[in-house]
Amino acid sequence: MAVQDTLSTHSADEEYLGQMSKLHGHWINDHEVRNMFNKFSAKLEEIEKIINDRNKNNHLKSRCGAGIPPYELLLRSSGPGVTGRGIPNSISI
């Protein structure tokens, strides 16, 4: 269980798909690449909003009843700890 917890835990400084830290932003000098990255990031934000809206809609199939957790598997971001959320930019074990 300790190994599973260690491998499943998100660190506080983890970067997720479509995010770029301010320290690494200077690596991309090409404006076209930066624009494409910004479009990709905006699309991921839009998808996350759609997922959250669907989780709140009780009229959707399998979204009503006691003990039904919200769908969070493909939400792009996560807080630190074991959350079941977030798509990391890389996997390190």
PDB file of N, CA and C in Angstrom:
ATOM      1  N   MET A   1       0.815  -1.182   0.000  1.00  0.00           N
ATOM      2  CA  MET A   1       0.000   0.000   0.000  1.00  0.00           C
ATOM      3  C   MET A   1       0.866   1.256   0.000  1.00  0.00           C
ATOM      4  N   ALA A   2       1.989   1.179   0.667  1.00  0.00           N
ATOM      5  CA  ALA A   2       2.874   2.341   0.703  1.00  0.00           C
ATOM      6  C   ALA A   2       3.413   2.658  -0.689  1.00  0.00           C
ATOM      7  N   VAL A   3       3.750   1.613  -1.468  1.00  0.00           N
ATOM      8  CA  VAL A   3       4.250   1.830  -2.824  1.00  0.00           C
ATOM      9  C   VAL A   3       3.163   2.433  -3.694  1.00  0.00           C
ATOM     10  N   GLN A   4       1.943   1.908  -3.588  1.00  0.00           N
ATOM     11  CA  GLN A   4       0.831   2.448  -4.382  1.00  0.00           C
ATOM     12  C   GLN A   4       0.577   3.906  -4.022  1.00  0.00           C
ATOM     13  N   ASP A   5       0.605   4.226  -2.751  1.00  0.00           N
ATOM     14  CA  ASP A   5       0.402   5.608  -2.324  1.00  0.00           C
ATOM     15  C   ASP A   5       1.501   6.514  -2.867  1.00  0.00           C
ATOM     16  N   THR A   6       2.733   6.059  -2.822  1.00  0.00           N
ATOM     17  CA  THR A   6       3.855   6.852  -3.311  1.00  0.00           C
ATOM     18  C   THR A   6       3.756   7.099  -4.808  1.00  0.00           C
ATOM     19  N   LEU A   7       3.388   6.062  -5.571  1.00  0.00           N
ATOM     20  CA  LEU A   7       3.305   6.203  -7.023  1.00  0.00           C
ATOM     21  C   LEU A   7       2.069   6.968  -7.466  1.00  0.00           C
ATOM     22  N   SER A   8       1.046   7.058  -6.617  1.00  0.00           N
ATOM     23  CA  SER A   8      -0.203   7.724  -6.980  1.00  0.00           C
ATOM     24  C   SER A   8      -0.288   9.162  -6.509  1.00  0.00           C
ATOM     25  N   THR A   9       0.657   9.594  -5.719  1.00  0.00           N
ATOM     26  CA  THR A   9       0.595  10.920  -5.119  1.00  0.00           C
ATOM     27  C   THR A   9       1.114  11.983  -6.080  1.00  0.00           C
ATOM     28  N   HIS A  10       0.339  13.049  -6.241  1.00  0.00           N
ATOM     29  CA  HIS A  10       0.771  14.202  -7.028  1.00  0.00           C
ATOM     30  C   HIS A  10       1.577  15.126  -6.126  1.00  0.00           C
ATOM     31  N   SER A  11       2.691  15.627  -6.651  1.00  0.00           N
ATOM     32  CA  SER A  11       3.482  16.571  -5.872  1.00  0.00           C
ATOM     33  C   SER A  11       2.906  17.974  -6.027  1.00  0.00           C
ATOM     34  N   ALA A  12       3.248  18.833  -5.117  1.00  0.00           N
ATOM     35  CA  ALA A  12       2.710  20.198  -5.140  1.00  0.00           C
ATOM     36  C   ALA A  12       3.207  20.997  -6.339  1.00  0.00           C
ATOM     37  N   ASP A  13       4.385  20.650  -6.885  1.00  0.00           N
ATOM     38  CA  ASP A  13       4.941  21.400  -8.008  1.00  0.00           C
ATOM     39  C   ASP A  13       4.801  20.663  -9.345  1.00  0.00           C
ATOM     40  N   GLU A  14       3.912  19.678  -9.415  1.00  0.00           N
ATOM     41  CA  GLU A  14       3.744  18.901 -10.638  1.00  0.00           C
ATOM     42  C   GLU A  14       3.102  19.736 -11.749  1.00  0.00           C
ATOM     43  N   GLU A  15       3.572  19.529 -12.970  1.00  0.00           N
ATOM     44  CA  GLU A  15       3.008  20.217 -14.130  1.00  0.00           C
ATOM     45  C   GLU A  15       2.083  19.256 -14.863  1.00  0.00           C
ATOM     46  N   TYR A  16       0.956  19.784 -15.338  1.00  0.00           N
ATOM     47  CA  TYR A  16      -0.044  18.965 -15.993  1.00  0.00           C
ATOM     48  C   TYR A  16      -0.142  19.309 -17.466  1.00  0.00           C
ATOM     49  N   LEU A  17      -0.759  18.409 -18.218  1.00  0.00           N
ATOM     50  CA  LEU A  17      -0.908  18.570 -19.648  1.00  0.00           C
ATOM     51  C   LEU A  17      -1.504  19.938 -19.968  1.00  0.00           C
ATOM     52  N   GLY A  18      -0.863  20.669 -20.866  1.00  0.00           N
ATOM     53  CA  GLY A  18      -1.352  21.983 -21.263  1.00  0.00           C
ATOM     54  C   GLY A  18      -0.930  23.115 -20.354  1.00  0.00           C
ATOM     55  N   GLN A  19      -0.107  22.829 -19.382  1.00  0.00           N
ATOM     56  CA  GLN A  19       0.392  23.877 -18.494  1.00  0.00           C
ATOM     57  C   GLN A  19       1.885  24.060 -18.729  1.00  0.00           C
ATOM     58  N   MET A  20       2.352  25.277 -18.568  1.00  0.00           N
ATOM     59  CA  MET A  20       3.771  25.559 -18.719  1.00  0.00           C
ATOM     60  C   MET A  20       4.195  26.458 -17.567  1.00  0.00           C
ATOM     61  N   SER A  21       5.195  26.032 -16.848  1.00  0.00           N
ATOM     62  CA  SER A  21       5.654  26.862 -15.735  1.00  0.00           C
ATOM     63  C   SER A  21       6.373  28.090 -16.276  1.00  0.00           C
ATOM     64  N   LYS A  22       6.411  29.122 -15.483  1.00  0.00           N
ATOM     65  CA  LYS A  22       7.073  30.361 -15.901  1.00  0.00           C
ATOM     66  C   LYS A  22       8.568  30.151 -16.091  1.00  0.00           C
ATOM     67  N   LEU A  23       9.121  29.164 -15.407  1.00  0.00           N
ATOM     68  CA  LEU A  23      10.548  28.883 -15.554  1.00  0.00           C
ATOM     69  C   LEU A  23      10.876  28.275 -16.912  1.00  0.00           C
ATOM     70  N   HIS A  24       9.914  27.545 -17.497  1.00  0.00           N
ATOM     71  CA  HIS A  24      10.168  26.860 -18.763  1.00  0.00           C
ATOM     72  C   HIS A  24       9.609  27.604 -19.972  1.00  0.00           C
ATOM     73  N   GLY A  25       8.843  28.650 -19.755  1.00  0.00           N
ATOM     74  CA  GLY A  25       8.229  29.391 -20.851  1.00  0.00           C
ATOM     75  C   GLY A  25       9.209  30.046 -21.792  1.00  0.00           C
ATOM     76  N   HIS A  26      10.380  30.364 -21.317  1.00  0.00           N
ATOM     77  CA  HIS A  26      11.367  31.042 -22.160  1.00  0.00           C
ATOM     78  C   HIS A  26      12.019  30.103 -23.170  1.00  0.00           C
ATOM     79  N   TRP A  27      11.787  28.812 -23.078  1.00  0.00           N
ATOM     80  CA  TRP A  27      12.385  27.856 -24.015  1.00  0.00           C
ATOM     81  C   TRP A  27      11.747  27.941 -25.394  1.00  0.00           C
ATOM     82  N   ILE A  28      10.496  28.391 -25.461  1.00  0.00           N
ATOM     83  CA  ILE A  28       9.788  28.458 -26.733  1.00  0.00           C
ATOM     84  C   ILE A  28       9.840  29.893 -27.245  1.00  0.00           C
ATOM     85  N   ASN A  29      10.604  30.114 -28.287  1.00  0.00           N
ATOM     86  CA  ASN A  29      10.732  31.447 -28.875  1.00  0.00           C
ATOM     87  C   ASN A  29       9.848  31.625 -30.093  1.00  0.00           C
ATOM     88  N   ASP A  30       9.383  30.533 -30.666  1.00  0.00           N
ATOM     89  CA  ASP A  30       8.570  30.575 -31.879  1.00  0.00           C
ATOM     90  C   ASP A  30       7.138  30.970 -31.519  1.00  0.00           C
ATOM     91  N   HIS A  31       6.660  32.082 -32.064  1.00  0.00           N
ATOM     92  CA  HIS A  31       5.322  32.573 -31.737  1.00  0.00           C
ATOM     93  C   HIS A  31       4.230  31.632 -32.232  1.00  0.00           C
ATOM     94  N   GLU A  32       4.457  30.982 -33.365  1.00  0.00           N
ATOM     95  CA  GLU A  32       3.460  30.045 -33.892  1.00  0.00           C
ATOM     96  C   GLU A  32       3.303  28.849 -32.957  1.00  0.00           C
ATOM     97  N   VAL A  33       4.405  28.344 -32.447  1.00  0.00           N
ATOM     98  CA  VAL A  33       4.351  27.221 -31.497  1.00  0.00           C
ATOM     99  C   VAL A  33       3.645  27.657 -30.220  1.00  0.00           C
ATOM    100  N   ARG A  34       3.967  28.847 -29.748  1.00  0.00           N
ATOM    101  CA  ARG A  34       3.326  29.368 -28.533  1.00  0.00           C
ATOM    102  C   ARG A  34       1.813  29.528 -28.723  1.00  0.00           C
ATOM    103  N   ASN A  35       1.396  30.024 -29.890  1.00  0.00           N
ATOM    104  CA  ASN A  35      -0.031  30.175 -30.178  1.00  0.00           C
ATOM    105  C   ASN A  35      -0.732  28.827 -30.227  1.00  0.00           C
ATOM    106  N   MET A  36      -0.089  27.842 -30.851  1.00  0.00           N
ATOM    107  CA  MET A  36      -0.673  26.496 -30.903  1.00  0.00           C
ATOM    108  C   MET A  36      -0.799  25.908 -29.494  1.00  0.00           C
ATOM    109  N   PHE A  37       0.221  26.109 -28.677  1.00  0.00           N
ATOM    110  CA  PHE A  37       0.176  25.626 -27.298  1.00  0.00           C
ATOM    111  C   PHE A  37      -0.953  26.306 -26.530  1.00  0.00           C
ATOM    112  N   ASN A  38      -1.124  27.606 -26.727  1.00  0.00           N
ATOM    113  CA  ASN A  38      -2.193  28.331 -26.045  1.00  0.00           C
ATOM    114  C   ASN A  38      -3.569  27.857 -26.496  1.00  0.00           C
ATOM    115  N   LYS A  39      -3.734  27.547 -27.791  1.00  0.00           N
ATOM    116  CA  LYS A  39      -5.005  27.000 -28.278  1.00  0.00           C
ATOM    117  C   LYS A  39      -5.278  25.636 -27.663  1.00  0.00           C
ATOM    118  N   PHE A  40      -4.250  24.792 -27.605  1.00  0.00           N
ATOM    119  CA  PHE A  40      -4.372  23.469 -27.002  1.00  0.00           C
ATOM    120  C   PHE A  40      -4.757  23.582 -25.534  1.00  0.00           C
ATOM    121  N   SER A  41      -4.104  24.484 -24.829  1.00  0.00           N
ATOM    122  CA  SER A  41      -4.386  24.693 -23.408  1.00  0.00           C
ATOM    123  C   SER A  41      -5.812  25.198 -23.198  1.00  0.00           C
ATOM    124  N   ALA A  42      -6.274  26.101 -24.055  1.00  0.00           N
ATOM    125  CA  ALA A  42      -7.638  26.623 -23.954  1.00  0.00           C
ATOM    126  C   ALA A  42      -8.663  25.522 -24.220  1.00  0.00           C
ATOM    127  N   LYS A  43      -8.369  24.637 -25.164  1.00  0.00           N
ATOM    128  CA  LYS A  43      -9.278  23.524 -25.457  1.00  0.00           C
ATOM    129  C   LYS A  43      -9.368  22.576 -24.266  1.00  0.00           C
ATOM    130  N   LEU A  44      -8.248  22.325 -23.606  1.00  0.00           N
ATOM    131  CA  LEU A  44      -8.260  21.482 -22.407  1.00  0.00           C
ATOM    132  C   LEU A  44      -9.087  22.117 -21.293  1.00  0.00           C
ATOM    133  N   GLU A  45      -8.986  23.437 -21.149  1.00  0.00           N
ATOM    134  CA  GLU A  45      -9.805  24.135 -20.146  1.00  0.00           C
ATOM    135  C   GLU A  45     -11.287  24.006 -20.476  1.00  0.00           C
ATOM    136  N   GLU A  46     -11.615  24.106 -21.758  1.00  0.00           N
ATOM    137  CA  GLU A  46     -13.001  23.963 -22.198  1.00  0.00           C
ATOM    138  C   GLU A  46     -13.522  22.554 -21.903  1.00  0.00           C
ATOM    139  N   ILE A  47     -12.701  21.544 -22.157  1.00  0.00           N
ATOM    140  CA  ILE A  47     -13.095  20.161 -21.883  1.00  0.00           C
ATOM    141  C   ILE A  47     -13.301  19.950 -20.383  1.00  0.00           C
ATOM    142  N   GLU A  48     -12.432  20.526 -19.569  1.00  0.00           N
ATOM    143  CA  GLU A  48     -12.579  20.405 -18.115  1.00  0.00           C
ATOM    144  C   GLU A  48     -13.892  21.045 -17.653  1.00  0.00           C
ATOM    145  N   LYS A  49     -14.242  22.185 -18.243  1.00  0.00           N
ATOM    146  CA  LYS A  49     -15.503  22.848 -17.896  1.00  0.00           C
ATOM    147  C   LYS A  49     -16.693  21.972 -18.298  1.00  0.00           C
ATOM    148  N   ILE A  50     -16.631  21.342 -19.472  1.00  0.00           N
ATOM    149  CA  ILE A  50     -17.706  20.451 -19.922  1.00  0.00           C
ATOM    150  C   ILE A  50     -17.864  19.278 -18.955  1.00  0.00           C
ATOM    151  N   ILE A  51     -16.752  18.681 -18.545  1.00  0.00           N
ATOM    152  CA  ILE A  51     -16.808  17.558 -17.600  1.00  0.00           C
ATOM    153  C   ILE A  51     -17.440  17.999 -16.294  1.00  0.00           C
ATOM    154  N   ASN A  52     -17.030  19.160 -15.779  1.00  0.00           N
ATOM    155  CA  ASN A  52     -17.598  19.654 -14.512  1.00  0.00           C
ATOM    156  C   ASN A  52     -19.087  19.959 -14.650  1.00  0.00           C
ATOM    157  N   ASP A  53     -19.499  20.536 -15.786  1.00  0.00           N
ATOM    158  CA  ASP A  53     -20.919  20.811 -16.007  1.00  0.00           C
ATOM    159  C   ASP A  53     -21.727  19.522 -16.072  1.00  0.00           C
ATOM    160  N   ARG A  54     -21.186  18.512 -16.736  1.00  0.00           N
ATOM    161  CA  ARG A  54     -21.893  17.227 -16.821  1.00  0.00           C
ATOM    162  C   ARG A  54     -21.973  16.546 -15.469  1.00  0.00           C
ATOM    163  N   ASN A  55     -20.954  16.699 -14.649  1.00  0.00           N
ATOM    164  CA  ASN A  55     -21.000  16.125 -13.304  1.00  0.00           C
ATOM    165  C   ASN A  55     -22.113  16.746 -12.464  1.00  0.00           C
ATOM    166  N   LYS A  56     -22.426  18.000 -12.722  1.00  0.00           N
ATOM    167  CA  LYS A  56     -23.471  18.696 -11.963  1.00  0.00           C
ATOM    168  C   LYS A  56     -24.872  18.425 -12.481  1.00  0.00           C
ATOM    169  N   ASN A  57     -24.999  17.881 -13.695  1.00  0.00           N
ATOM    170  CA  ASN A  57     -26.300  17.652 -14.324  1.00  0.00           C
ATOM    171  C   ASN A  57     -26.895  16.324 -13.851  1.00  0.00           C
ATOM    172  N   ASN A  58     -27.950  16.402 -13.031  1.00  0.00           N
ATOM    173  CA  ASN A  58     -28.578  15.197 -12.488  1.00  0.00           C
ATOM    174  C   ASN A  58     -29.449  14.471 -13.504  1.00  0.00           C
ATOM    175  N   HIS A  59     -29.702  15.074 -14.654  1.00  0.00           N
ATOM    176  CA  HIS A  59     -30.547  14.450 -15.666  1.00  0.00           C
ATOM    177  C   HIS A  59     -29.772  13.503 -16.578  1.00  0.00           C
ATOM    178  N   LEU A  60     -28.463  13.521 -16.498  1.00  0.00           N
ATOM    179  CA  LEU A  60     -27.671  12.622 -17.321  1.00  0.00           C
ATOM    180  C   LEU A  60     -27.680  11.215 -16.724  1.00  0.00           C
ATOM    181  N   LYS A  61     -27.618  10.217 -17.569  1.00  0.00           N
ATOM    182  CA  LYS A  61     -27.616   8.820 -17.143  1.00  0.00           C
ATOM    183  C   LYS A  61     -26.446   8.565 -16.187  1.00  0.00           C
ATOM    184  N   SER A  62     -26.683   7.842 -15.144  1.00  0.00           N
ATOM    185  CA  SER A  62     -25.679   7.447 -14.151  1.00  0.00           C
ATOM    186  C   SER A  62     -25.136   8.623 -13.351  1.00  0.00           C
ATOM    187  N   ARG A  63     -25.835   9.746 -13.294  1.00  0.00           N
ATOM    188  CA  ARG A  63     -25.370  10.893 -12.530  1.00  0.00           C
ATOM    189  C   ARG A  63     -26.263  11.185 -11.342  1.00  0.00           C
ATOM    190  N   CYS A  64     -27.199  10.303 -11.038  1.00  0.00           N
ATOM    191  CA  CYS A  64     -28.054  10.565  -9.892  1.00  0.00           C
ATOM    192  C   CYS A  64     -28.077   9.334  -8.994  1.00  0.00           C
ATOM    193  N   GLY A  65     -28.265   9.562  -7.726  1.00  0.00           N
ATOM    194  CA  GLY A  65     -28.315   8.484  -6.755  1.00  0.00           C
ATOM    195  C   GLY A  65     -27.252   8.681  -5.689  1.00  0.00           C
ATOM    196  N   ALA A  66     -27.360   7.882  -4.658  1.00  0.00           N
ATOM    197  CA  ALA A  66     -26.434   8.001  -3.533  1.00  0.00           C
ATOM    198  C   ALA A  66     -25.107   7.319  -3.857  1.00  0.00           C
ATOM    199  N   GLY A  67     -24.043   7.934  -3.452  1.00  0.00           N
ATOM    200  CA  GLY A  67     -22.721   7.330  -3.566  1.00  0.00           C
ATOM    201  C   GLY A  67     -22.134   7.289  -4.956  1.00  0.00           C
ATOM    202  N   ILE A  68     -22.597   8.135  -5.875  1.00  0.00           N
ATOM    203  CA  ILE A  68     -22.033   8.160  -7.221  1.00  0.00           C
ATOM    204  C   ILE A  68     -20.989   9.272  -7.278  1.00  0.00           C
ATOM    205  N   PRO A  69     -19.714   8.897  -7.420  1.00  0.00           N
ATOM    206  CA  PRO A  69     -18.674   9.928  -7.448  1.00  0.00           C
ATOM    207  C   PRO A  69     -18.657  10.656  -8.788  1.00  0.00           C
ATOM    208  N   PRO A  70     -18.214  11.895  -8.813  1.00  0.00           N
ATOM    209  CA  PRO A  70     -18.109  12.624 -10.080  1.00  0.00           C
ATOM    210  C   PRO A  70     -16.987  12.044 -10.935  1.00  0.00           C
ATOM    211  N   TYR A  71     -17.120  12.187 -12.243  1.00  0.00           N
ATOM    212  CA  TYR A  71     -16.074  11.752 -13.168  1.00  0.00           C
ATOM    213  C   TYR A  71     -14.944  12.762 -13.121  1.00  0.00           C
ATOM    214  N   GLU A  72     -13.750  12.307 -12.795  1.00  0.00           N
ATOM    215  CA  GLU A  72     -12.609  13.215 -12.683  1.00  0.00           C
ATOM    216  C   GLU A  72     -11.351  12.680 -13.357  1.00  0.00           C
ATOM    217  N   LEU A  73     -11.449  11.552 -14.045  1.00  0.00           N
ATOM    218  CA  LEU A  73     -10.261  10.898 -14.568  1.00  0.00           C
ATOM    219  C   LEU A  73      -9.488  11.752 -15.565  1.00  0.00           C
ATOM    220  N   LEU A  74     -10.173  12.437 -16.478  1.00  0.00           N
ATOM    221  CA  LEU A  74      -9.477  13.214 -17.501  1.00  0.00           C
ATOM    222  C   LEU A  74      -9.469  14.713 -17.236  1.00  0.00           C
ATOM    223  N   LEU A  75      -9.756  15.120 -16.002  1.00  0.00           N
ATOM    224  CA  LEU A  75      -9.576  16.529 -15.657  1.00  0.00           C
ATOM    225  C   LEU A  75      -8.081  16.809 -15.691  1.00  0.00           C
ATOM    226  N   ARG A  76      -7.701  17.909 -16.308  1.00  0.00           N
ATOM    227  CA  ARG A  76      -6.280  18.110 -16.588  1.00  0.00           C
ATOM    228  C   ARG A  76      -5.450  18.497 -15.376  1.00  0.00           C
ATOM    229  N   SER A  77      -6.061  19.025 -14.346  1.00  0.00           N
ATOM    230  CA  SER A  77      -5.281  19.494 -13.203  1.00  0.00           C
ATOM    231  C   SER A  77      -5.669  18.760 -11.934  1.00  0.00           C
ATOM    232  N   SER A  78      -4.823  18.873 -10.949  1.00  0.00           N
ATOM    233  CA  SER A  78      -5.060  18.205  -9.672  1.00  0.00           C
ATOM    234  C   SER A  78      -4.337  18.961  -8.576  1.00  0.00           C
ATOM    235  N   GLY A  79      -4.860  18.834  -7.394  1.00  0.00           N
ATOM    236  CA  GLY A  79      -4.145  19.349  -6.239  1.00  0.00           C
ATOM    237  C   GLY A  79      -3.132  18.322  -5.785  1.00  0.00           C
ATOM    238  N   PRO A  80      -2.302  18.643  -4.814  1.00  0.00           N
ATOM    239  CA  PRO A  80      -1.332  17.666  -4.330  1.00  0.00           C
ATOM    240  C   PRO A  80      -2.027  16.518  -3.608  1.00  0.00           C
ATOM    241  N   GLY A  81      -1.365  15.380  -3.578  1.00  0.00           N
ATOM    242  CA  GLY A  81      -1.906  14.205  -2.895  1.00  0.00           C
ATOM    243  C   GLY A  81      -2.522  13.214  -3.871  1.00  0.00           C
ATOM    244  N   VAL A  82      -3.217  12.213  -3.336  1.00  0.00           N
ATOM    245  CA  VAL A  82      -3.878  11.206  -4.150  1.00  0.00           C
ATOM    246  C   VAL A  82      -5.290  11.703  -4.429  1.00  0.00           C
ATOM    247  N   THR A  83      -5.555  12.102  -5.677  1.00  0.00           N
ATOM    248  CA  THR A  83      -6.842  12.704  -6.000  1.00  0.00           C
ATOM    249  C   THR A  83      -7.604  11.966  -7.084  1.00  0.00           C
ATOM    250  N   GLY A  84      -6.945  11.162  -7.918  1.00  0.00           N
ATOM    251  CA  GLY A  84      -7.615  10.539  -9.044  1.00  0.00           C
ATOM    252  C   GLY A  84      -7.854  11.509 -10.185  1.00  0.00           C
ATOM    253  N   ARG A  85      -7.245  12.659 -10.128  1.00  0.00           N
ATOM    254  CA  ARG A  85      -7.389  13.707 -11.149  1.00  0.00           C
ATOM    255  C   ARG A  85      -6.030  14.021 -11.742  1.00  0.00           C
ATOM    256  N   GLY A  86      -6.060  14.756 -12.829  1.00  0.00           N
ATOM    257  CA  GLY A  86      -4.826  15.286 -13.393  1.00  0.00           C
ATOM    258  C   GLY A  86      -4.183  14.401 -14.434  1.00  0.00           C
ATOM    259  N   ILE A  87      -3.659  15.042 -15.486  1.00  0.00           N
ATOM    260  CA  ILE A  87      -2.924  14.353 -16.534  1.00  0.00           C
ATOM    261  C   ILE A  87      -1.512  14.944 -16.507  1.00  0.00           C
ATOM    262  N   PRO A  88      -0.570  14.261 -15.851  1.00  0.00           N
ATOM    263  CA  PRO A  88       0.784  14.804 -15.752  1.00  0.00           C
ATOM    264  C   PRO A  88       1.449  14.921 -17.117  1.00  0.00           C
ATOM    265  N   ASN A  89       2.377  15.880 -17.250  1.00  0.00           N
ATOM    266  CA  ASN A  89       3.142  16.016 -18.483  1.00  0.00           C
ATOM    267  C   ASN A  89       4.060  14.825 -18.689  1.00  0.00           C
ATOM    268  N   SER A  90       4.491  14.183 -17.629  1.00  0.00           N
ATOM    269  CA  SER A  90       5.368  13.026 -17.743  1.00  0.00           C
ATOM    270  C   SER A  90       5.103  12.085 -16.577  1.00  0.00           C
ATOM    271  N   ILE A  91       5.627  10.911 -16.715  1.00  0.00           N
ATOM    272  CA  ILE A  91       5.475   9.913 -15.652  1.00  0.00           C
ATOM    273  C   ILE A  91       6.871   9.589 -15.144  1.00  0.00           C
ATOM    274  N   SER A  92       7.064   9.690 -13.865  1.00  0.00           N
ATOM    275  CA  SER A  92       8.361   9.327 -13.282  1.00  0.00           C
ATOM    276  C   SER A  92       8.110   8.404 -12.108  1.00  0.00           C
ATOM    277  N   ILE A  93       8.838   7.321 -12.103  1.00  0.00           N
ATOM    278  CA  ILE A  93       8.696   6.346 -11.012  1.00  0.00           C
ATOM    279  C   ILE A  93      10.056   6.152 -10.381  1.00  0.00           C
TER     280      ILE A  93
END
